[in-house]
């Protein structure tokens, strides 16, 4: 009785409880979905997991030796053992800007580049910036579950538009126009598409960028590179 009473007293004193939004968001992941699918297959020996790009598991993804040597040299130089800028190292941002500018009508500057630690952080940053009371975002269906998880955690209303399999998984632009309104903060276009695996044509991406829903000044977020056009 005494031990039980002490436990209740501690719980009441701390008044600690889990964040329900975080628990719900954490329950949605691409790996969780894949695990459910694999659990339904009896003979897993014939399966090829095309959803993984882990160099430690698959030697075909081995990092190029040039990159490995550059990392070793940077570590041994003792010139980089400090906190880096949150938006990315200037030299790296400059290199990315120069590379992307090769296929753009206007030149990007390093200030146009925000480097993140992978896709997860990029989506988190983007959704956090866009989330505000009353706002909504348009997401593809099927799509990448991380967006739903992050939007749910940030309190950003989700509206889903369909991808058309008969047209190579192009966006249903008529549906997009019906869903978009003055509170729509972004439309997410995943290209190359995850999970469908298709690559949108330049003509269709141009339609996405120039469609009449842009009369509402809704930015189109082309991911996985997360280049945002107005």
C-alpha atoms as a PDB file:
ATOM      1  CA  UNK A   1       0.000   0.000   0.000  1.00  0.00           C
ATOM      2  CA  UNK A   2       2.769   2.396   0.870  1.00  0.00           C
ATOM      3  CA  UNK A   3       4.584   1.815  -2.420  1.00  0.00           C
ATOM      4  CA  UNK A   4       1.360   2.207  -4.368  1.00  0.00           C
ATOM      5  CA  UNK A   5       0.583   5.425  -2.552  1.00  0.00           C
ATOM      6  CA  UNK A   6       4.036   6.823  -3.275  1.00  0.00           C
ATOM      7  CA  UNK A   7       3.644   6.040  -6.990  1.00  0.00           C
ATOM      8  CA  UNK A   8       0.326   7.870  -7.189  1.00  0.00           C
ATOM      9  CA  UNK A   9       1.799  10.818  -5.308  1.00  0.00           C
ATOM     10  CA  UNK A  10       4.727  11.072  -7.791  1.00  0.00           C
ATOM     11  CA  UNK A  11       2.378  10.919 -10.803  1.00  0.00           C
ATOM     12  CA  UNK A  12       0.180  13.650  -9.361  1.00  0.00           C
ATOM     13  CA  UNK A  13       3.163  15.846  -8.525  1.00  0.00           C
ATOM     14  CA  UNK A  14       4.705  15.693 -12.010  1.00  0.00           C
ATOM     15  CA  UNK A  15       1.403  15.754 -13.956  1.00  0.00           C
ATOM     16  CA  UNK A  16       3.224  14.316 -16.953  1.00  0.00           C
ATOM     17  CA  UNK A  17       1.392  13.020 -20.010  1.00  0.00           C
ATOM     18  CA  UNK A  18       2.353  12.019 -23.541  1.00  0.00           C
ATOM     19  CA  UNK A  19       1.664  14.278 -26.523  1.00  0.00           C
ATOM     20  CA  UNK A  20      -1.226  12.542 -28.305  1.00  0.00           C
ATOM     21  CA  UNK A  21      -0.518  14.364 -31.583  1.00  0.00           C
ATOM     22  CA  UNK A  22       3.036  13.064 -31.555  1.00  0.00           C
ATOM     23  CA  UNK A  23       1.840   9.512 -30.878  1.00  0.00           C
ATOM     24  CA  UNK A  24      -0.542   9.686 -33.826  1.00  0.00           C
ATOM     25  CA  UNK A  25       2.069  11.153 -36.166  1.00  0.00           C
ATOM     26  CA  UNK A  26       4.627   8.535 -35.159  1.00  0.00           C
ATOM     27  CA  UNK A  27       2.218   5.771 -36.112  1.00  0.00           C
ATOM     28  CA  UNK A  28       2.367   6.723 -39.790  1.00  0.00           C
ATOM     29  CA  UNK A  29       5.533   5.821 -41.645  1.00  0.00           C
ATOM     30  CA  UNK A  30       6.567   4.237 -44.930  1.00  0.00           C
ATOM     31  CA  UNK A  31       8.493   1.539 -43.046  1.00  0.00           C
ATOM     32  CA  UNK A  32       5.439   0.717 -40.961  1.00  0.00           C
ATOM     33  CA  UNK A  33       3.363   0.343 -44.137  1.00  0.00           C
ATOM     34  CA  UNK A  34       6.017  -1.832 -45.792  1.00  0.00           C
ATOM     35  CA  UNK A  35       6.248  -4.057 -42.733  1.00  0.00           C
ATOM     36  CA  UNK A  36       2.484  -4.634 -42.843  1.00  0.00           C
ATOM     37  CA  UNK A  37       2.723  -5.641 -46.509  1.00  0.00           C
ATOM     38  CA  UNK A  38       5.677  -7.965 -45.957  1.00  0.00           C
ATOM     39  CA  UNK A  39       3.867  -9.601 -43.047  1.00  0.00           C
ATOM     40  CA  UNK A  40       1.197 -10.808 -45.509  1.00  0.00           C
ATOM     41  CA  UNK A  41       3.749 -12.675 -47.661  1.00  0.00           C
ATOM     42  CA  UNK A  42       4.572 -16.249 -46.705  1.00  0.00           C
ATOM     43  CA  UNK A  43       7.660 -16.779 -48.892  1.00  0.00           C
ATOM     44  CA  UNK A  44       9.816 -13.689 -48.395  1.00  0.00           C
ATOM     45  CA  UNK A  45      12.910 -15.188 -50.042  1.00  0.00           C
ATOM     46  CA  UNK A  46      11.761 -14.140 -53.505  1.00  0.00           C
ATOM     47  CA  UNK A  47      11.099 -10.526 -52.518  1.00  0.00           C
ATOM     48  CA  UNK A  48      13.387  -7.683 -53.499  1.00  0.00           C
ATOM     49  CA  UNK A  49      13.114  -4.640 -51.253  1.00  0.00           C
ATOM     50  CA  UNK A  50      13.331  -1.769 -53.724  1.00  0.00           C
ATOM     51  CA  UNK A  51      12.371   0.714 -51.014  1.00  0.00           C
ATOM     52  CA  UNK A  52      15.796   0.694 -49.380  1.00  0.00           C
ATOM     53  CA  UNK A  53      19.001   2.447 -50.421  1.00  0.00           C
ATOM     54  CA  UNK A  54      21.237   1.464 -47.520  1.00  0.00           C
ATOM     55  CA  UNK A  55      24.915   1.231 -48.572  1.00  0.00           C
ATOM     56  CA  UNK A  56      25.711  -0.944 -45.547  1.00  0.00           C
ATOM     57  CA  UNK A  57      23.145  -3.548 -46.619  1.00  0.00           C
ATOM     58  CA  UNK A  58      23.465  -3.304 -50.402  1.00  0.00           C
ATOM     59  CA  UNK A  59      27.051  -2.941 -51.746  1.00  0.00           C
ATOM     60  CA  UNK A  60      25.711  -1.566 -55.043  1.00  0.00           C
ATOM     61  CA  UNK A  61      24.961   1.664 -53.167  1.00  0.00           C
ATOM     62  CA  UNK A  62      28.540   2.036 -51.944  1.00  0.00           C
ATOM     63  CA  UNK A  63      29.518   5.699 -51.580  1.00  0.00           C
ATOM     64  CA  UNK A  64      32.062   6.827 -54.158  1.00  0.00           C
ATOM     65  CA  UNK A  65      35.657   6.789 -52.935  1.00  0.00           C
ATOM     66  CA  UNK A  66      36.067  10.496 -53.742  1.00  0.00           C
ATOM     67  CA  UNK A  67      33.371  11.366 -51.198  1.00  0.00           C
ATOM     68  CA  UNK A  68      34.821   9.035 -48.566  1.00  0.00           C
ATOM     69  CA  UNK A  69      38.283  10.583 -48.928  1.00  0.00           C
ATOM     70  CA  UNK A  70      36.840  14.105 -48.761  1.00  0.00           C
ATOM     71  CA  UNK A  71      35.085  13.287 -45.482  1.00  0.00           C
ATOM     72  CA  UNK A  72      38.256  11.786 -43.999  1.00  0.00           C
ATOM     73  CA  UNK A  73      40.290  14.816 -45.065  1.00  0.00           C
ATOM     74  CA  UNK A  74      37.753  17.200 -43.542  1.00  0.00           C
ATOM     75  CA  UNK A  75      37.815  15.322 -40.220  1.00  0.00           C
ATOM     76  CA  UNK A  76      41.608  15.199 -40.064  1.00  0.00           C
ATOM     77  CA  UNK A  77      41.963  18.891 -40.901  1.00  0.00           C
ATOM     78  CA  UNK A  78      40.330  19.829 -37.555  1.00  0.00           C
ATOM     79  CA  UNK A  79      38.849  22.867 -39.302  1.00  0.00           C
ATOM     80  CA  UNK A  80      35.246  21.698 -39.204  1.00  0.00           C
ATOM     81  CA  UNK A  81      34.800  20.541 -35.600  1.00  0.00           C
ATOM     82  CA  UNK A  82      32.258  23.212 -34.746  1.00  0.00           C
ATOM     83  CA  UNK A  83      28.592  24.063 -35.137  1.00  0.00           C
ATOM     84  CA  UNK A  84      27.712  24.725 -38.760  1.00  0.00           C
ATOM     85  CA  UNK A  85      25.114  27.244 -39.996  1.00  0.00           C
ATOM     86  CA  UNK A  86      21.584  25.887 -39.612  1.00  0.00           C
ATOM     87  CA  UNK A  87      20.851  26.518 -43.309  1.00  0.00           C
ATOM     88  CA  UNK A  88      23.981  24.655 -44.462  1.00  0.00           C
ATOM     89  CA  UNK A  89      27.687  25.269 -45.037  1.00  0.00           C
ATOM     90  CA  UNK A  90      28.155  28.248 -47.415  1.00  0.00           C
ATOM     91  CA  UNK A  91      30.446  26.373 -49.820  1.00  0.00           C
ATOM     92  CA  UNK A  92      27.948  23.504 -50.105  1.00  0.00           C
ATOM     93  CA  UNK A  93      25.022  25.887 -50.665  1.00  0.00           C
ATOM     94  CA  UNK A  94      27.008  27.721 -53.325  1.00  0.00           C
ATOM     95  CA  UNK A  95      27.776  24.449 -55.126  1.00  0.00           C
ATOM     96  CA  UNK A  96      24.109  23.374 -55.033  1.00  0.00           C
ATOM     97  CA  UNK A  97      23.000  26.772 -56.351  1.00  0.00           C
ATOM     98  CA  UNK A  98      25.466  26.606 -59.233  1.00  0.00           C
ATOM     99  CA  UNK A  99      24.396  23.080 -60.146  1.00  0.00           C
ATOM    100  CA  UNK A 100      20.659  23.827 -60.097  1.00  0.00           C
ATOM    101  CA  UNK A 101      21.114  27.070 -62.036  1.00  0.00           C
ATOM    102  CA  UNK A 102      22.293  25.120 -65.091  1.00  0.00           C
ATOM    103  CA  UNK A 103      18.693  24.150 -65.939  1.00  0.00           C
ATOM    104  CA  UNK A 104      16.882  27.279 -64.762  1.00  0.00           C
ATOM    105  CA  UNK A 105      16.046  30.505 -66.634  1.00  0.00           C
ATOM    106  CA  UNK A 106      17.353  32.573 -63.705  1.00  0.00           C
ATOM    107  CA  UNK A 107      20.437  32.071 -61.564  1.00  0.00           C
ATOM    108  CA  UNK A 108      20.100  30.921 -57.958  1.00  0.00           C
ATOM    109  CA  UNK A 109      22.259  32.314 -55.186  1.00  0.00           C
ATOM    110  CA  UNK A 110      23.465  30.450 -52.075  1.00  0.00           C
ATOM    111  CA  UNK A 111      20.800  32.358 -50.131  1.00  0.00           C
ATOM    112  CA  UNK A 112      18.142  30.495 -52.161  1.00  0.00           C
ATOM    113  CA  UNK A 113      19.406  27.132 -50.853  1.00  0.00           C
ATOM    114  CA  UNK A 114      18.425  25.590 -47.498  1.00  0.00           C
ATOM    115  CA  UNK A 115      20.250  22.330 -46.790  1.00  0.00           C
ATOM    116  CA  UNK A 116      18.699  19.751 -44.453  1.00  0.00           C
ATOM    117  CA  UNK A 117      19.673  16.403 -42.973  1.00  0.00           C
ATOM    118  CA  UNK A 118      17.648  14.356 -45.428  1.00  0.00           C
ATOM    119  CA  UNK A 119      14.067  14.399 -46.634  1.00  0.00           C
ATOM    120  CA  UNK A 120      12.512  14.070 -43.179  1.00  0.00           C
ATOM    121  CA  UNK A 121      13.957  17.324 -41.880  1.00  0.00           C
ATOM    122  CA  UNK A 122      13.160  19.074 -45.159  1.00  0.00           C
ATOM    123  CA  UNK A 123       9.478  18.132 -44.892  1.00  0.00           C
ATOM    124  CA  UNK A 124       9.394  19.082 -41.208  1.00  0.00           C
ATOM    125  CA  UNK A 125      10.865  22.519 -41.921  1.00  0.00           C
ATOM    126  CA  UNK A 126       8.518  23.162 -44.832  1.00  0.00           C
ATOM    127  CA  UNK A 127       5.352  22.088 -43.011  1.00  0.00           C
ATOM    128  CA  UNK A 128       6.317  23.998 -39.842  1.00  0.00           C
ATOM    129  CA  UNK A 129       6.809  27.191 -41.852  1.00  0.00           C
ATOM    130  CA  UNK A 130       3.500  26.800 -43.715  1.00  0.00           C
ATOM    131  CA  UNK A 131       1.305  25.746 -40.773  1.00  0.00           C
ATOM    132  CA  UNK A 132      -0.913  28.516 -39.417  1.00  0.00           C
ATOM    133  CA  UNK A 133      -4.436  28.559 -37.967  1.00  0.00           C
ATOM    134  CA  UNK A 134      -7.068  27.897 -40.641  1.00  0.00           C
ATOM    135  CA  UNK A 135      -4.571  26.931 -43.346  1.00  0.00           C
ATOM    136  CA  UNK A 136      -4.751  23.823 -45.523  1.00  0.00           C
ATOM    137  CA  UNK A 137      -2.341  21.954 -47.782  1.00  0.00           C
ATOM    138  CA  UNK A 138      -3.062  19.763 -50.815  1.00  0.00           C
ATOM    139  CA  UNK A 139      -1.402  16.327 -50.789  1.00  0.00           C
ATOM    140  CA  UNK A 140      -1.284  13.599 -53.477  1.00  0.00           C
ATOM    141  CA  UNK A 141      -3.087  10.283 -53.053  1.00  0.00           C
ATOM    142  CA  UNK A 142      -1.285   7.863 -53.059  1.00  0.00           C
ATOM    143  CA  UNK A 143       1.586   9.760 -51.488  1.00  0.00           C
ATOM    144  CA  UNK A 144       4.434   9.711 -49.006  1.00  0.00           C
ATOM    145  CA  UNK A 145       3.044   9.115 -45.447  1.00  0.00           C
ATOM    146  CA  UNK A 146       5.528  11.512 -43.839  1.00  0.00           C
ATOM    147  CA  UNK A 147       3.501  14.497 -45.060  1.00  0.00           C
ATOM    148  CA  UNK A 148       0.331  13.304 -43.328  1.00  0.00           C
ATOM    149  CA  UNK A 149       2.273  12.590 -40.145  1.00  0.00           C
ATOM    150  CA  UNK A 150       3.872  16.028 -40.034  1.00  0.00           C
ATOM    151  CA  UNK A 151       0.686  17.885 -40.999  1.00  0.00           C
ATOM    152  CA  UNK A 152      -1.242  16.058 -38.284  1.00  0.00           C
ATOM    153  CA  UNK A 153       1.394  16.988 -35.719  1.00  0.00           C
ATOM    154  CA  UNK A 154       1.462  20.646 -36.847  1.00  0.00           C
ATOM    155  CA  UNK A 155      -2.311  21.021 -37.010  1.00  0.00           C
ATOM    156  CA  UNK A 156      -2.323  21.750 -40.751  1.00  0.00           C
ATOM    157  CA  UNK A 157      -5.519  20.676 -42.527  1.00  0.00           C
ATOM    158  CA  UNK A 158      -4.900  18.083 -45.269  1.00  0.00           C
ATOM    159  CA  UNK A 159      -6.873  17.876 -48.505  1.00  0.00           C
ATOM    160  CA  UNK A 160      -6.079  15.027 -50.877  1.00  0.00           C
ATOM    161  CA  UNK A 161      -6.167  15.020 -54.670  1.00  0.00           C
ATOM    162  CA  UNK A 162      -5.915  11.853 -56.760  1.00  0.00           C
ATOM    163  CA  UNK A 163      -3.141  10.719 -59.081  1.00  0.00           C
ATOM    164  CA  UNK A 164      -4.457   9.154 -62.311  1.00  0.00           C
ATOM    165  CA  UNK A 165      -2.901   5.728 -63.018  1.00  0.00           C
ATOM    166  CA  UNK A 166      -4.227   5.644 -66.596  1.00  0.00           C
ATOM    167  CA  UNK A 167      -2.224   8.807 -67.330  1.00  0.00           C
ATOM    168  CA  UNK A 168       1.060   7.728 -65.776  1.00  0.00           C
ATOM    169  CA  UNK A 169       0.010   8.906 -62.305  1.00  0.00           C
ATOM    170  CA  UNK A 170      -0.422  12.525 -63.382  1.00  0.00           C
ATOM    171  CA  UNK A 171      -2.220  14.923 -61.046  1.00  0.00           C
ATOM    172  CA  UNK A 172      -5.971  15.331 -61.378  1.00  0.00           C
ATOM    173  CA  UNK A 173      -5.679  19.080 -61.960  1.00  0.00           C
ATOM    174  CA  UNK A 174      -9.464  19.575 -62.113  1.00  0.00           C
ATOM    175  CA  UNK A 175      -9.731  18.099 -58.637  1.00  0.00           C
ATOM    176  CA  UNK A 176      -6.828  20.242 -57.434  1.00  0.00           C
ATOM    177  CA  UNK A 177      -8.613  23.377 -58.620  1.00  0.00           C
ATOM    178  CA  UNK A 178     -11.782  22.373 -56.761  1.00  0.00           C
ATOM    179  CA  UNK A 179      -9.878  21.758 -53.535  1.00  0.00           C
ATOM    180  CA  UNK A 180      -7.716  24.887 -53.527  1.00  0.00           C
ATOM    181  CA  UNK A 181      -9.003  28.045 -51.877  1.00  0.00           C
ATOM    182  CA  UNK A 182      -7.719  31.258 -50.308  1.00  0.00           C
ATOM    183  CA  UNK A 183      -6.435  29.304 -47.277  1.00  0.00           C
ATOM    184  CA  UNK A 184      -4.365  26.810 -49.288  1.00  0.00           C
ATOM    185  CA  UNK A 185      -0.704  27.385 -48.466  1.00  0.00           C
ATOM    186  CA  UNK A 186       0.887  24.814 -50.807  1.00  0.00           C
ATOM    187  CA  UNK A 187       0.290  21.964 -53.235  1.00  0.00           C
ATOM    188  CA  UNK A 188       2.751  19.079 -52.927  1.00  0.00           C
ATOM    189  CA  UNK A 189       3.907  17.404 -56.143  1.00  0.00           C
ATOM    190  CA  UNK A 190       6.247  14.452 -55.557  1.00  0.00           C
ATOM    191  CA  UNK A 191       8.462  13.848 -58.564  1.00  0.00           C
ATOM    192  CA  UNK A 192       9.895  11.255 -59.065  1.00  0.00           C
ATOM    193  CA  UNK A 193       6.787   9.885 -57.419  1.00  0.00           C
ATOM    194  CA  UNK A 194       7.003   7.979 -54.163  1.00  0.00           C
ATOM    195  CA  UNK A 195       5.379   5.422 -53.976  1.00  0.00           C
ATOM    196  CA  UNK A 196       4.234   5.078 -57.612  1.00  0.00           C
ATOM    197  CA  UNK A 197       7.704   5.296 -59.180  1.00  0.00           C
ATOM    198  CA  UNK A 198       6.713   7.426 -62.175  1.00  0.00           C
ATOM    199  CA  UNK A 199       8.421  10.564 -63.447  1.00  0.00           C
ATOM    200  CA  UNK A 200       6.172  13.423 -64.563  1.00  0.00           C
ATOM    201  CA  UNK A 201       6.725  14.934 -67.984  1.00  0.00           C
ATOM    202  CA  UNK A 202       7.985  18.483 -68.294  1.00  0.00           C
ATOM    203  CA  UNK A 203       4.705  19.446 -69.990  1.00  0.00           C
ATOM    204  CA  UNK A 204       2.619  18.199 -67.067  1.00  0.00           C
ATOM    205  CA  UNK A 205       4.834  19.907 -64.478  1.00  0.00           C
ATOM    206  CA  UNK A 206       4.460  23.141 -66.448  1.00  0.00           C
ATOM    207  CA  UNK A 207       0.677  22.703 -66.317  1.00  0.00           C
ATOM    208  CA  UNK A 208       0.928  22.255 -62.549  1.00  0.00           C
ATOM    209  CA  UNK A 209       2.901  25.474 -62.200  1.00  0.00           C
ATOM    210  CA  UNK A 210       0.730  27.519 -64.586  1.00  0.00           C
ATOM    211  CA  UNK A 211      -2.710  26.076 -63.780  1.00  0.00           C
ATOM    212  CA  UNK A 212      -5.521  28.466 -62.887  1.00  0.00           C
ATOM    213  CA  UNK A 213      -5.327  27.585 -59.175  1.00  0.00           C
ATOM    214  CA  UNK A 214      -2.253  29.781 -59.145  1.00  0.00           C
ATOM    215  CA  UNK A 215      -4.619  32.736 -59.433  1.00  0.00           C
ATOM    216  CA  UNK A 216      -4.847  32.176 -55.683  1.00  0.00           C
ATOM    217  CA  UNK A 217      -1.036  32.602 -55.455  1.00  0.00           C
ATOM    218  CA  UNK A 218      -0.670  29.046 -54.149  1.00  0.00           C
ATOM    219  CA  UNK A 219       2.960  27.824 -54.217  1.00  0.00           C
ATOM    220  CA  UNK A 220       3.623  24.440 -55.814  1.00  0.00           C
ATOM    221  CA  UNK A 221       6.166  22.438 -53.822  1.00  0.00           C
ATOM    222  CA  UNK A 222       7.930  20.045 -56.186  1.00  0.00           C
ATOM    223  CA  UNK A 223       9.556  17.381 -54.070  1.00  0.00           C
ATOM    224  CA  UNK A 224      11.700  15.283 -53.398  1.00  0.00           C
ATOM    225  CA  UNK A 225      14.032  18.180 -54.121  1.00  0.00           C
ATOM    226  CA  UNK A 226      11.621  20.586 -52.399  1.00  0.00           C
ATOM    227  CA  UNK A 227      12.125  23.364 -54.916  1.00  0.00           C
ATOM    228  CA  UNK A 228       9.237  25.785 -54.379  1.00  0.00           C
ATOM    229  CA  UNK A 229       7.898  27.898 -57.233  1.00  0.00           C
ATOM    230  CA  UNK A 230       5.411  30.701 -56.791  1.00  0.00           C
END
